[in-house]
Amino acid sequence: MKTKSAKQIALENGMNLLFLLCGIIAVGFVLCITVYLVISGIPAIMKIGFTDFLFGKVWKPTATTVEASYGILPFLMTSIYGTAGAVAIGVPIGLLTAVYLAKAAPKKVADIIRTAVQLLAGIPSVVYGLVGMIILVPGIQKLFHLSSGATLLAAIFVLAIMILPSIINVSETALRAVPKEYEEASMAMGATELETYFRVSVPAAKSGIATAIVLGVGRAIGEAMAIIMVSGNVPNMPGLFRPVRFMTTAIASEMSYASVGSLQREALFSIGLVLFLFIMLINVLLNVFIKRKGA
């Protein structure tokens, strides 16, 4: 066996230190964001009241004739419904597409679809919103005979399309990493190709597929620019055919004109804190669910 030279050992130690530093920086950024949101968001919640803030149904921070209201329940429920709807549509389509690309598609067809998916991932979110506003919103308005097509339904469709690239790319990579021996053993025991794909390959790649779903959920919850153009941006309680406002769009639409030091601006930071905790909670629950299924 060759012994490592002092130069090689020093290089390896230096790279290990560099990787450790990068990991510490990444964790540090998360901690800094968490601390900043807590410091900025807690004061408004204390002033408004936790119950009134989280479960209040009226958001009127600039009211002059009546007392200002800072209830974010419409934003919170809209974000939950919108994300759940996008995941319900996007995950099955994305997973089936990934299975087809990884296991069943001819090489030329797979290359074309894979390129299209990659292009889909590179489209700016404002373009999704623009296309949705021009095509989807009028279509929903005419189809369901509504006064406006800018509704929760339009936002769900836009979000479902936007999360597809993340789900497809990561799921396909996970499926391709499944050892061929698993599939060969399944087929040798008499299983069809379809049964092998969904009863052997998909369960074996569940960890990567779970990561894809988490990324898709994070994209859906955190999107603002596209859905602000198709959802109506009105602080209503969620309804499939009603104009609504998500937590992200509430922050994006009001932060620019909320005066510094005002309760409205502090309340927007509080919404950011709730959104951050909401995303963390969903990620933790998804990871726990996947681990239990794996056990």
C-alpha atoms as a PDB file:
ATOM      1  CA  MET A   1       0.000   0.000   0.000  1.00  0.00           C
ATOM      2  CA  LYS A   2       1.154   3.469  -0.836  1.00  0.00           C
ATOM      3  CA  THR A   3       1.583   5.800   2.072  1.00  0.00           C
ATOM      4  CA  LYS A   4       0.161   9.281   1.722  1.00  0.00           C
ATOM      5  CA  SER A   5       2.641  12.074   1.493  1.00  0.00           C
ATOM      6  CA  ALA A   6       2.542  15.018   3.845  1.00  0.00           C
ATOM      7  CA  LYS A   7       1.290  17.165   0.950  1.00  0.00           C
ATOM      8  CA  GLN A   8      -1.660  14.836   0.284  1.00  0.00           C
ATOM      9  CA  ILE A   9      -2.561  14.669   3.957  1.00  0.00           C
ATOM     10  CA  ALA A  10      -2.435  18.451   4.227  1.00  0.00           C
ATOM     11  CA  LEU A  11      -4.629  18.781   1.113  1.00  0.00           C
ATOM     12  CA  GLU A  12      -7.222  16.319   2.463  1.00  0.00           C
ATOM     13  CA  ASN A  13      -7.291  18.047   5.835  1.00  0.00           C
ATOM     14  CA  GLY A  14      -7.684  21.396   4.109  1.00  0.00           C
ATOM     15  CA  MET A  15     -10.597  20.129   1.970  1.00  0.00           C
ATOM     16  CA  ASN A  16     -12.268  18.562   5.011  1.00  0.00           C
ATOM     17  CA  LEU A  17     -11.972  21.876   6.810  1.00  0.00           C
ATOM     18  CA  LEU A  18     -13.412  23.689   3.792  1.00  0.00           C
ATOM     19  CA  PHE A  19     -16.404  21.338   3.610  1.00  0.00           C
ATOM     20  CA  LEU A  20     -16.988  21.696   7.346  1.00  0.00           C
ATOM     21  CA  LEU A  21     -16.852  25.467   7.010  1.00  0.00           C
ATOM     22  CA  CYS A  22     -19.397  25.402   4.188  1.00  0.00           C
ATOM     23  CA  GLY A  23     -21.720  23.259   6.316  1.00  0.00           C
ATOM     24  CA  ILE A  24     -21.349  25.600   9.280  1.00  0.00           C
ATOM     25  CA  ILE A  25     -22.082  28.610   7.063  1.00  0.00           C
ATOM     26  CA  ALA A  26     -25.255  26.971   5.727  1.00  0.00           C
ATOM     27  CA  VAL A  27     -26.479  26.181   9.244  1.00  0.00           C
ATOM     28  CA  GLY A  28     -25.472  29.677  10.346  1.00  0.00           C
ATOM     29  CA  PHE A  29     -27.606  31.277   7.636  1.00  0.00           C
ATOM     30  CA  VAL A  30     -30.648  29.278   8.762  1.00  0.00           C
ATOM     31  CA  LEU A  31     -30.054  30.241  12.390  1.00  0.00           C
ATOM     32  CA  CYS A  32     -29.587  33.917  11.495  1.00  0.00           C
ATOM     33  CA  ILE A  33     -32.818  33.964   9.480  1.00  0.00           C
ATOM     34  CA  THR A  34     -34.658  32.218  12.306  1.00  0.00           C
ATOM     35  CA  VAL A  35     -33.383  34.611  14.962  1.00  0.00           C
ATOM     36  CA  TYR A  36     -34.118  37.659  12.799  1.00  0.00           C
ATOM     37  CA  LEU A  37     -37.686  36.554  12.070  1.00  0.00           C
ATOM     38  CA  VAL A  38     -38.327  35.756  15.733  1.00  0.00           C
ATOM     39  CA  ILE A  39     -36.982  39.125  16.892  1.00  0.00           C
ATOM     40  CA  SER A  40     -38.891  41.011  14.189  1.00  0.00           C
ATOM     41  CA  GLY A  41     -42.125  39.009  14.339  1.00  0.00           C
ATOM     42  CA  ILE A  42     -42.801  38.397  18.028  1.00  0.00           C
ATOM     43  CA  PRO A  43     -43.431  42.065  19.032  1.00  0.00           C
ATOM     44  CA  ALA A  44     -46.409  42.443  16.672  1.00  0.00           C
ATOM     45  CA  ILE A  45     -47.929  39.155  17.845  1.00  0.00           C
ATOM     46  CA  MET A  46     -47.588  40.347  21.446  1.00  0.00           C
ATOM     47  CA  LYS A  47     -49.281  43.666  20.630  1.00  0.00           C
ATOM     48  CA  ILE A  48     -52.111  42.189  18.561  1.00  0.00           C
ATOM     49  CA  GLY A  49     -52.607  39.048  20.630  1.00  0.00           C
ATOM     50  CA  PHE A  50     -51.757  35.530  19.553  1.00  0.00           C
ATOM     51  CA  THR A  51     -55.392  34.437  19.149  1.00  0.00           C
ATOM     52  CA  ASP A  52     -56.499  37.584  17.311  1.00  0.00           C
ATOM     53  CA  PHE A  53     -53.476  37.416  15.019  1.00  0.00           C
ATOM     54  CA  LEU A  54     -53.503  33.726  14.130  1.00  0.00           C
ATOM     55  CA  PHE A  55     -57.254  33.072  14.170  1.00  0.00           C
ATOM     56  CA  GLY A  56     -58.661  36.457  13.237  1.00  0.00           C
ATOM     57  CA  LYS A  57     -60.578  36.453   9.946  1.00  0.00           C
ATOM     58  CA  VAL A  58     -60.253  40.129   9.071  1.00  0.00           C
ATOM     59  CA  TRP A  59     -57.128  41.844   7.739  1.00  0.00           C
ATOM     60  CA  LYS A  60     -57.555  45.634   7.598  1.00  0.00           C
ATOM     61  CA  PRO A  61     -54.311  47.209   8.786  1.00  0.00           C
ATOM     62  CA  THR A  62     -55.065  50.597   7.208  1.00  0.00           C
ATOM     63  CA  ALA A  63     -58.659  50.972   8.441  1.00  0.00           C
ATOM     64  CA  THR A  64     -59.456  54.537   9.545  1.00  0.00           C
ATOM     65  CA  THR A  65     -63.161  54.512  10.384  1.00  0.00           C
ATOM     66  CA  VAL A  66     -62.944  51.354  12.481  1.00  0.00           C
ATOM     67  CA  GLU A  67     -60.227  49.726  14.538  1.00  0.00           C
ATOM     68  CA  ALA A  68     -57.471  48.158  12.458  1.00  0.00           C
ATOM     69  CA  SER A  69     -57.583  44.347  12.240  1.00  0.00           C
ATOM     70  CA  TYR A  70     -54.636  41.999  11.771  1.00  0.00           C
ATOM     71  CA  GLY A  71     -56.147  38.526  11.483  1.00  0.00           C
ATOM     72  CA  ILE A  72     -54.145  36.232   9.178  1.00  0.00           C
ATOM     73  CA  LEU A  73     -56.383  33.132   9.215  1.00  0.00           C
ATOM     74  CA  PRO A  74     -57.504  33.770   5.593  1.00  0.00           C
ATOM     75  CA  PHE A  75     -53.855  33.879   4.456  1.00  0.00           C
ATOM     76  CA  LEU A  76     -52.919  30.799   6.456  1.00  0.00           C
ATOM     77  CA  MET A  77     -55.851  28.681   5.259  1.00  0.00           C
ATOM     78  CA  THR A  78     -55.364  29.834   1.674  1.00  0.00           C
ATOM     79  CA  SER A  79     -51.716  28.791   1.786  1.00  0.00           C
ATOM     80  CA  ILE A  80     -52.691  25.378   3.177  1.00  0.00           C
ATOM     81  CA  TYR A  81     -55.459  24.795   0.633  1.00  0.00           C
ATOM     82  CA  GLY A  82     -53.404  26.116  -2.266  1.00  0.00           C
ATOM     83  CA  THR A  83     -50.371  24.006  -1.411  1.00  0.00           C
ATOM     84  CA  ALA A  84     -52.473  20.883  -0.800  1.00  0.00           C
ATOM     85  CA  GLY A  85     -54.265  21.340  -4.121  1.00  0.00           C
ATOM     86  CA  ALA A  86     -51.020  21.892  -6.026  1.00  0.00           C
ATOM     87  CA  VAL A  87     -49.431  18.820  -4.427  1.00  0.00           C
ATOM     88  CA  ALA A  88     -52.535  16.703  -5.127  1.00  0.00           C
ATOM     89  CA  ILE A  89     -52.261  17.573  -8.817  1.00  0.00           C
ATOM     90  CA  GLY A  90     -48.506  17.923  -9.256  1.00  0.00           C
ATOM     91  CA  VAL A  91     -47.166  14.923  -7.311  1.00  0.00           C
ATOM     92  CA  PRO A  92     -49.032  12.173  -9.219  1.00  0.00           C
ATOM     93  CA  ILE A  93     -48.261  13.765 -12.591  1.00  0.00           C
ATOM     94  CA  GLY A  94     -44.630  14.385 -11.675  1.00  0.00           C
ATOM     95  CA  LEU A  95     -44.093  10.916 -10.224  1.00  0.00           C
ATOM     96  CA  LEU A  96     -45.673   9.136 -13.187  1.00  0.00           C
ATOM     97  CA  THR A  97     -43.606  11.242 -15.570  1.00  0.00           C
ATOM     98  CA  ALA A  98     -40.447  10.399 -13.640  1.00  0.00           C
ATOM     99  CA  VAL A  99     -41.240   6.671 -13.743  1.00  0.00           C
ATOM    100  CA  TYR A 100     -41.843   6.878 -17.487  1.00  0.00           C
ATOM    101  CA  LEU A 101     -38.623   8.779 -18.146  1.00  0.00           C
ATOM    102  CA  ALA A 102     -36.484   6.566 -15.924  1.00  0.00           C
ATOM    103  CA  LYS A 103     -37.896   3.160 -16.832  1.00  0.00           C
ATOM    104  CA  ALA A 104     -40.161   3.006 -19.853  1.00  0.00           C
ATOM    105  CA  ALA A 105     -39.519   5.833 -22.304  1.00  0.00           C
ATOM    106  CA  PRO A 106     -37.434   5.302 -25.470  1.00  0.00           C
ATOM    107  CA  LYS A 107     -34.173   7.232 -25.322  1.00  0.00           C
ATOM    108  CA  LYS A 108     -35.140   9.831 -27.948  1.00  0.00           C
ATOM    109  CA  VAL A 109     -38.539  10.470 -26.381  1.00  0.00           C
ATOM    110  CA  ALA A 110     -37.008  10.656 -22.890  1.00  0.00           C
ATOM    111  CA  ASP A 111     -34.410  13.181 -24.078  1.00  0.00           C
ATOM    112  CA  ILE A 112     -37.108  15.419 -25.564  1.00  0.00           C
ATOM    113  CA  ILE A 113     -39.315  15.280 -22.462  1.00  0.00           C
ATOM    114  CA  ARG A 114     -36.343  15.723 -20.128  1.00  0.00           C
ATOM    115  CA  THR A 115     -35.226  18.813 -22.051  1.00  0.00           C
ATOM    116  CA  ALA A 116     -38.738  20.250 -21.875  1.00  0.00           C
ATOM    117  CA  VAL A 117     -38.854  19.663 -18.112  1.00  0.00           C
ATOM    118  CA  GLN A 118     -35.482  21.381 -17.681  1.00  0.00           C
ATOM    119  CA  LEU A 119     -36.721  24.346 -19.722  1.00  0.00           C
ATOM    120  CA  LEU A 120     -39.835  24.417 -17.562  1.00  0.00           C
ATOM    121  CA  ALA A 121     -37.610  24.712 -14.497  1.00  0.00           C
ATOM    122  CA  GLY A 122     -35.763  27.682 -16.009  1.00  0.00           C
ATOM    123  CA  ILE A 123     -38.835  29.801 -16.758  1.00  0.00           C
ATOM    124  CA  PRO A 124     -39.097  32.788 -14.375  1.00  0.00           C
ATOM    125  CA  SER A 125     -42.089  32.712 -12.053  1.00  0.00           C
ATOM    126  CA  VAL A 126     -43.386  36.014 -13.404  1.00  0.00           C
ATOM    127  CA  VAL A 127     -43.782  34.359 -16.821  1.00  0.00           C
ATOM    128  CA  TYR A 128     -45.928  31.626 -15.263  1.00  0.00           C
ATOM    129  CA  GLY A 129     -48.038  34.336 -13.704  1.00  0.00           C
ATOM    130  CA  LEU A 130     -48.285  36.273 -16.962  1.00  0.00           C
ATOM    131  CA  VAL A 131     -49.366  33.219 -18.968  1.00  0.00           C
ATOM    132  CA  GLY A 132     -51.828  32.264 -16.246  1.00  0.00           C
ATOM    133  CA  MET A 133     -53.263  35.774 -16.167  1.00  0.00           C
ATOM    134  CA  ILE A 134     -53.699  35.889 -19.954  1.00  0.00           C
ATOM    135  CA  ILE A 135     -54.897  32.327 -20.606  1.00  0.00           C
ATOM    136  CA  LEU A 136     -55.924  30.524 -17.410  1.00  0.00           C
ATOM    137  CA  VAL A 137     -57.798  33.297 -15.613  1.00  0.00           C
ATOM    138  CA  PRO A 138     -60.088  34.209 -18.563  1.00  0.00           C
ATOM    139  CA  GLY A 139     -60.606  30.495 -19.247  1.00  0.00           C
ATOM    140  CA  ILE A 140     -61.796  29.834 -15.685  1.00  0.00           C
ATOM    141  CA  GLN A 141     -63.981  32.927 -15.816  1.00  0.00           C
ATOM    142  CA  LYS A 142     -65.760  31.755 -18.986  1.00  0.00           C
ATOM    143  CA  LEU A 143     -65.928  28.089 -18.019  1.00  0.00           C
ATOM    144  CA  PHE A 144     -67.521  28.644 -14.617  1.00  0.00           C
ATOM    145  CA  HIS A 145     -69.333  31.911 -15.459  1.00  0.00           C
ATOM    146  CA  LEU A 146     -67.562  33.927 -12.761  1.00  0.00           C
ATOM    147  CA  SER A 147     -67.164  37.682 -12.429  1.00  0.00           C
ATOM    148  CA  SER A 148     -63.398  37.113 -12.234  1.00  0.00           C
ATOM    149  CA  GLY A 149     -61.246  34.093 -12.990  1.00  0.00           C
ATOM    150  CA  ALA A 150     -58.524  35.197 -10.594  1.00  0.00           C
ATOM    151  CA  THR A 151     -59.303  32.601  -7.948  1.00  0.00           C
ATOM    152  CA  LEU A 152     -57.779  29.949  -5.730  1.00  0.00           C
ATOM    153  CA  LEU A 153     -58.370  27.409  -8.510  1.00  0.00           C
ATOM    154  CA  ALA A 154     -56.173  29.386 -10.902  1.00  0.00           C
ATOM    155  CA  ALA A 155     -53.441  29.643  -8.267  1.00  0.00           C
ATOM    156  CA  ILE A 156     -53.570  25.880  -7.653  1.00  0.00           C
ATOM    157  CA  PHE A 157     -53.113  25.097 -11.345  1.00  0.00           C
ATOM    158  CA  VAL A 158     -50.199  27.527 -11.687  1.00  0.00           C
ATOM    159  CA  LEU A 159     -48.485  26.142  -8.572  1.00  0.00           C
ATOM    160  CA  ALA A 160     -49.031  22.562  -9.748  1.00  0.00           C
ATOM    161  CA  ILE A 161     -47.234  23.340 -13.005  1.00  0.00           C
ATOM    162  CA  MET A 162     -44.424  25.165 -11.220  1.00  0.00           C
ATOM    163  CA  ILE A 163     -43.591  22.284  -8.880  1.00  0.00           C
ATOM    164  CA  LEU A 164     -43.442  19.683 -11.665  1.00  0.00           C
ATOM    165  CA  PRO A 165     -39.753  20.219 -12.599  1.00  0.00           C
ATOM    166  CA  SER A 166     -38.547  19.707  -9.033  1.00  0.00           C
ATOM    167  CA  ILE A 167     -40.603  16.554  -8.562  1.00  0.00           C
ATOM    168  CA  ILE A 168     -39.748  15.056 -11.949  1.00  0.00           C
ATOM    169  CA  ASN A 169     -36.000  15.746 -11.897  1.00  0.00           C
ATOM    170  CA  VAL A 170     -35.315  14.554  -8.354  1.00  0.00           C
ATOM    171  CA  SER A 171     -37.656  11.542  -8.595  1.00  0.00           C
ATOM    172  CA  GLU A 172     -36.125  10.437 -11.886  1.00  0.00           C
ATOM    173  CA  THR A 173     -32.628  10.631 -10.413  1.00  0.00           C
ATOM    174  CA  ALA A 174     -33.742   8.531  -7.433  1.00  0.00           C
ATOM    175  CA  LEU A 175     -35.398   5.941  -9.674  1.00  0.00           C
ATOM    176  CA  ARG A 176     -32.310   5.638 -11.861  1.00  0.00           C
ATOM    177  CA  ALA A 177     -30.236   4.939  -8.759  1.00  0.00           C
ATOM    178  CA  VAL A 178     -32.253   1.801  -7.917  1.00  0.00           C
ATOM    179  CA  PRO A 179     -30.022  -1.255  -8.568  1.00  0.00           C
ATOM    180  CA  LYS A 180     -30.983  -3.219 -11.678  1.00  0.00           C
ATOM    181  CA  GLU A 181     -30.770  -6.427  -9.651  1.00  0.00           C
ATOM    182  CA  TYR A 182     -33.950  -5.461  -7.773  1.00  0.00           C
ATOM    183  CA  GLU A 183     -35.956  -5.198 -10.976  1.00  0.00           C
ATOM    184  CA  GLU A 184     -34.390  -8.288 -12.555  1.00  0.00           C
ATOM    185  CA  ALA A 185     -35.233 -10.343  -9.463  1.00  0.00           C
ATOM    186  CA  SER A 186     -38.820  -9.092  -9.540  1.00  0.00           C
ATOM    187  CA  MET A 187     -39.281  -9.964 -13.203  1.00  0.00           C
ATOM    188  CA  ALA A 188     -37.618 -13.344 -12.681  1.00  0.00           C
ATOM    189  CA  MET A 189     -40.337 -14.141 -10.140  1.00  0.00           C
ATOM    190  CA  GLY A 190     -43.033 -13.463 -12.723  1.00  0.00           C
ATOM    191  CA  ALA A 191     -43.889  -9.808 -12.099  1.00  0.00           C
ATOM    192  CA  THR A 192     -44.714  -7.621 -15.084  1.00  0.00           C
ATOM    193  CA  GLU A 193     -42.704  -4.522 -15.901  1.00  0.00           C
ATOM    194  CA  LEU A 194     -45.471  -2.267 -14.587  1.00  0.00           C
ATOM    195  CA  GLU A 195     -45.705  -4.185 -11.325  1.00  0.00           C
ATOM    196  CA  THR A 196     -41.929  -4.057 -10.971  1.00  0.00           C
ATOM    197  CA  TYR A 197     -41.818  -0.302 -11.500  1.00  0.00           C
ATOM    198  CA  PHE A 198     -44.482   0.508  -8.903  1.00  0.00           C
ATOM    199  CA  ARG A 199     -43.934  -2.294  -6.380  1.00  0.00           C
ATOM    200  CA  VAL A 200     -40.143  -2.496  -6.447  1.00  0.00           C
ATOM    201  CA  SER A 201     -38.522   0.560  -8.045  1.00  0.00           C
ATOM    202  CA  VAL A 202     -40.734   3.252  -6.504  1.00  0.00           C
ATOM    203  CA  PRO A 203     -40.552   1.852  -2.929  1.00  0.00           C
ATOM    204  CA  ALA A 204     -36.784   1.443  -3.284  1.00  0.00           C
ATOM    205  CA  ALA A 205     -36.493   5.102  -4.345  1.00  0.00           C
ATOM    206  CA  LYS A 206     -38.907   6.421  -1.696  1.00  0.00           C
ATOM    207  CA  SER A 207     -36.241   8.511   0.032  1.00  0.00           C
ATOM    208  CA  GLY A 208     -35.428  10.467  -3.130  1.00  0.00           C
ATOM    209  CA  ILE A 209     -39.108  10.763  -4.041  1.00  0.00           C
ATOM    210  CA  ALA A 210     -39.821  12.137  -0.557  1.00  0.00           C
ATOM    211  CA  THR A 211     -37.102  14.738  -1.106  1.00  0.00           C
ATOM    212  CA  ALA A 212     -38.739  15.675  -4.403  1.00  0.00           C
ATOM    213  CA  ILE A 213     -42.097  16.144  -2.688  1.00  0.00           C
ATOM    214  CA  VAL A 214     -40.535  18.280   0.060  1.00  0.00           C
ATOM    215  CA  LEU A 215     -38.893  20.481  -2.580  1.00  0.00           C
ATOM    216  CA  GLY A 216     -42.197  20.764  -4.425  1.00  0.00           C
ATOM    217  CA  VAL A 217     -44.072  21.700  -1.267  1.00  0.00           C
ATOM    218  CA  GLY A 218     -41.441  24.310  -0.418  1.00  0.00           C
ATOM    219  CA  ARG A 219     -41.723  25.789  -3.907  1.00  0.00           C
ATOM    220  CA  ALA A 220     -45.523  25.905  -3.703  1.00  0.00           C
ATOM    221  CA  ILE A 221     -45.635  27.504  -0.255  1.00  0.00           C
ATOM    222  CA  GLY A 222     -42.923  30.055  -0.979  1.00  0.00           C
ATOM    223  CA  GLU A 223     -44.095  31.262  -4.394  1.00  0.00           C
ATOM    224  CA  ALA A 224     -45.386  34.832  -4.536  1.00  0.00           C
ATOM    225  CA  MET A 225     -44.923  36.571  -7.885  1.00  0.00           C
ATOM    226  CA  ALA A 226     -46.861  34.098 -10.041  1.00  0.00           C
ATOM    227  CA  ILE A 227     -49.825  33.601  -7.734  1.00  0.00           C
ATOM    228  CA  ILE A 228     -50.207  37.297  -6.966  1.00  0.00           C
ATOM    229  CA  MET A 229     -51.104  37.679 -10.662  1.00  0.00           C
ATOM    230  CA  VAL A 230     -53.708  34.897 -10.798  1.00  0.00           C
ATOM    231  CA  SER A 231     -55.219  34.603  -7.302  1.00  0.00           C
ATOM    232  CA  GLY A 232     -56.968  37.976  -7.070  1.00  0.00           C
ATOM    233  CA  ASN A 233     -54.955  39.099  -4.021  1.00  0.00           C
ATOM    234  CA  VAL A 234     -58.031  39.677  -1.838  1.00  0.00           C
ATOM    235  CA  PRO A 235     -57.957  38.727   1.891  1.00  0.00           C
ATOM    236  CA  ASN A 236     -60.934  36.370   1.744  1.00  0.00           C
ATOM    237  CA  MET A 237     -61.369  33.046   3.472  1.00  0.00           C
ATOM    238  CA  PRO A 238     -60.419  30.406   0.903  1.00  0.00           C
ATOM    239  CA  GLY A 239     -62.916  29.147  -1.623  1.00  0.00           C
ATOM    240  CA  LEU A 240     -62.132  27.404  -4.888  1.00  0.00           C
ATOM    241  CA  PHE A 241     -63.830  30.104  -6.975  1.00  0.00           C
ATOM    242  CA  ARG A 242     -63.038  33.101  -4.761  1.00  0.00           C
ATOM    243  CA  PRO A 243     -60.224  35.651  -5.067  1.00  0.00           C
ATOM    244  CA  VAL A 244     -57.748  34.941  -2.280  1.00  0.00           C
ATOM    245  CA  ARG A 245     -54.433  36.060  -0.853  1.00  0.00           C
ATOM    246  CA  PHE A 246     -51.590  33.772   0.229  1.00  0.00           C
ATOM    247  CA  MET A 247     -49.164  34.548   3.059  1.00  0.00           C
ATOM    248  CA  THR A 248     -46.389  35.209   0.566  1.00  0.00           C
ATOM    249  CA  THR A 249     -48.508  37.572  -1.513  1.00  0.00           C
ATOM    250  CA  ALA A 250     -49.625  39.430   1.607  1.00  0.00           C
ATOM    251  CA  ILE A 251     -45.993  40.187   2.411  1.00  0.00           C
ATOM    252  CA  ALA A 252     -45.054  41.032  -1.188  1.00  0.00           C
ATOM    253  CA  SER A 253     -48.036  43.296  -1.837  1.00  0.00           C
ATOM    254  CA  GLU A 254     -47.963  45.340   1.385  1.00  0.00           C
ATOM    255  CA  MET A 255     -44.345  45.505   2.528  1.00  0.00           C
ATOM    256  CA  SER A 256     -43.452  48.206  -0.023  1.00  0.00           C
ATOM    257  CA  TYR A 257     -45.894  50.767   1.348  1.00  0.00           C
ATOM    258  CA  ALA A 258     -46.029  49.802   5.040  1.00  0.00           C
ATOM    259  CA  SER A 259     -44.270  52.598   6.895  1.00  0.00           C
ATOM    260  CA  VAL A 260     -41.168  51.743   8.904  1.00  0.00           C
ATOM    261  CA  GLY A 261     -41.942  51.214  12.578  1.00  0.00           C
ATOM    262  CA  SER A 262     -45.684  50.796  12.016  1.00  0.00           C
ATOM    263  CA  LEU A 263     -47.664  47.903  13.429  1.00  0.00           C
ATOM    264  CA  GLN A 264     -48.589  46.894   9.895  1.00  0.00           C
ATOM    265  CA  ARG A 265     -44.937  46.418   8.961  1.00  0.00           C
ATOM    266  CA  GLU A 266     -44.251  44.479  12.150  1.00  0.00           C
ATOM    267  CA  ALA A 267     -47.304  42.298  11.438  1.00  0.00           C
ATOM    268  CA  LEU A 268     -45.901  41.499   7.982  1.00  0.00           C
ATOM    269  CA  PHE A 269     -42.704  40.278   9.637  1.00  0.00           C
ATOM    270  CA  SER A 270     -44.916  38.168  11.893  1.00  0.00           C
ATOM    271  CA  ILE A 271     -46.534  36.641   8.805  1.00  0.00           C
ATOM    272  CA  GLY A 272     -43.031  35.839   7.573  1.00  0.00           C
ATOM    273  CA  LEU A 273     -42.297  34.115  10.880  1.00  0.00           C
ATOM    274  CA  VAL A 274     -45.505  32.062  10.669  1.00  0.00           C
ATOM    275  CA  LEU A 275     -44.689  31.148   7.059  1.00  0.00           C
ATOM    276  CA  PHE A 276     -41.178  30.063   8.023  1.00  0.00           C
ATOM    277  CA  LEU A 277     -42.425  27.915  10.917  1.00  0.00           C
ATOM    278  CA  PHE A 278     -45.160  26.523   8.683  1.00  0.00           C
ATOM    279  CA  ILE A 279     -42.635  25.357   6.081  1.00  0.00           C
ATOM    280  CA  MET A 280     -40.379  23.852   8.752  1.00  0.00           C
ATOM    281  CA  LEU A 281     -43.337  21.989  10.297  1.00  0.00           C
ATOM    282  CA  ILE A 282     -44.401  20.516   6.948  1.00  0.00           C
ATOM    283  CA  ASN A 283     -40.847  19.377   6.198  1.00  0.00           C
ATOM    284  CA  VAL A 284     -40.536  17.710   9.603  1.00  0.00           C
ATOM    285  CA  LEU A 285     -43.918  15.977   9.279  1.00  0.00           C
ATOM    286  CA  LEU A 286     -43.102  14.713   5.784  1.00  0.00           C
ATOM    287  CA  ASN A 287     -39.738  13.369   6.920  1.00  0.00           C
ATOM    288  CA  VAL A 288     -41.281  11.630   9.945  1.00  0.00           C
ATOM    289  CA  PHE A 289     -43.997  10.138   7.745  1.00  0.00           C
ATOM    290  CA  ILE A 290     -41.489   8.803   5.223  1.00  0.00           C
ATOM    291  CA  LYS A 291     -39.295   7.308   7.976  1.00  0.00           C
ATOM    292  CA  ARG A 292     -42.259   5.533   9.526  1.00  0.00           C
ATOM    293  CA  LYS A 293     -43.291   4.173   6.148  1.00  0.00           C
ATOM    294  CA  GLY A 294     -39.722   3.031   5.575  1.00  0.00           C
ATOM    295  CA  ALA A 295     -39.645   1.285   8.930  1.00  0.00           C
END
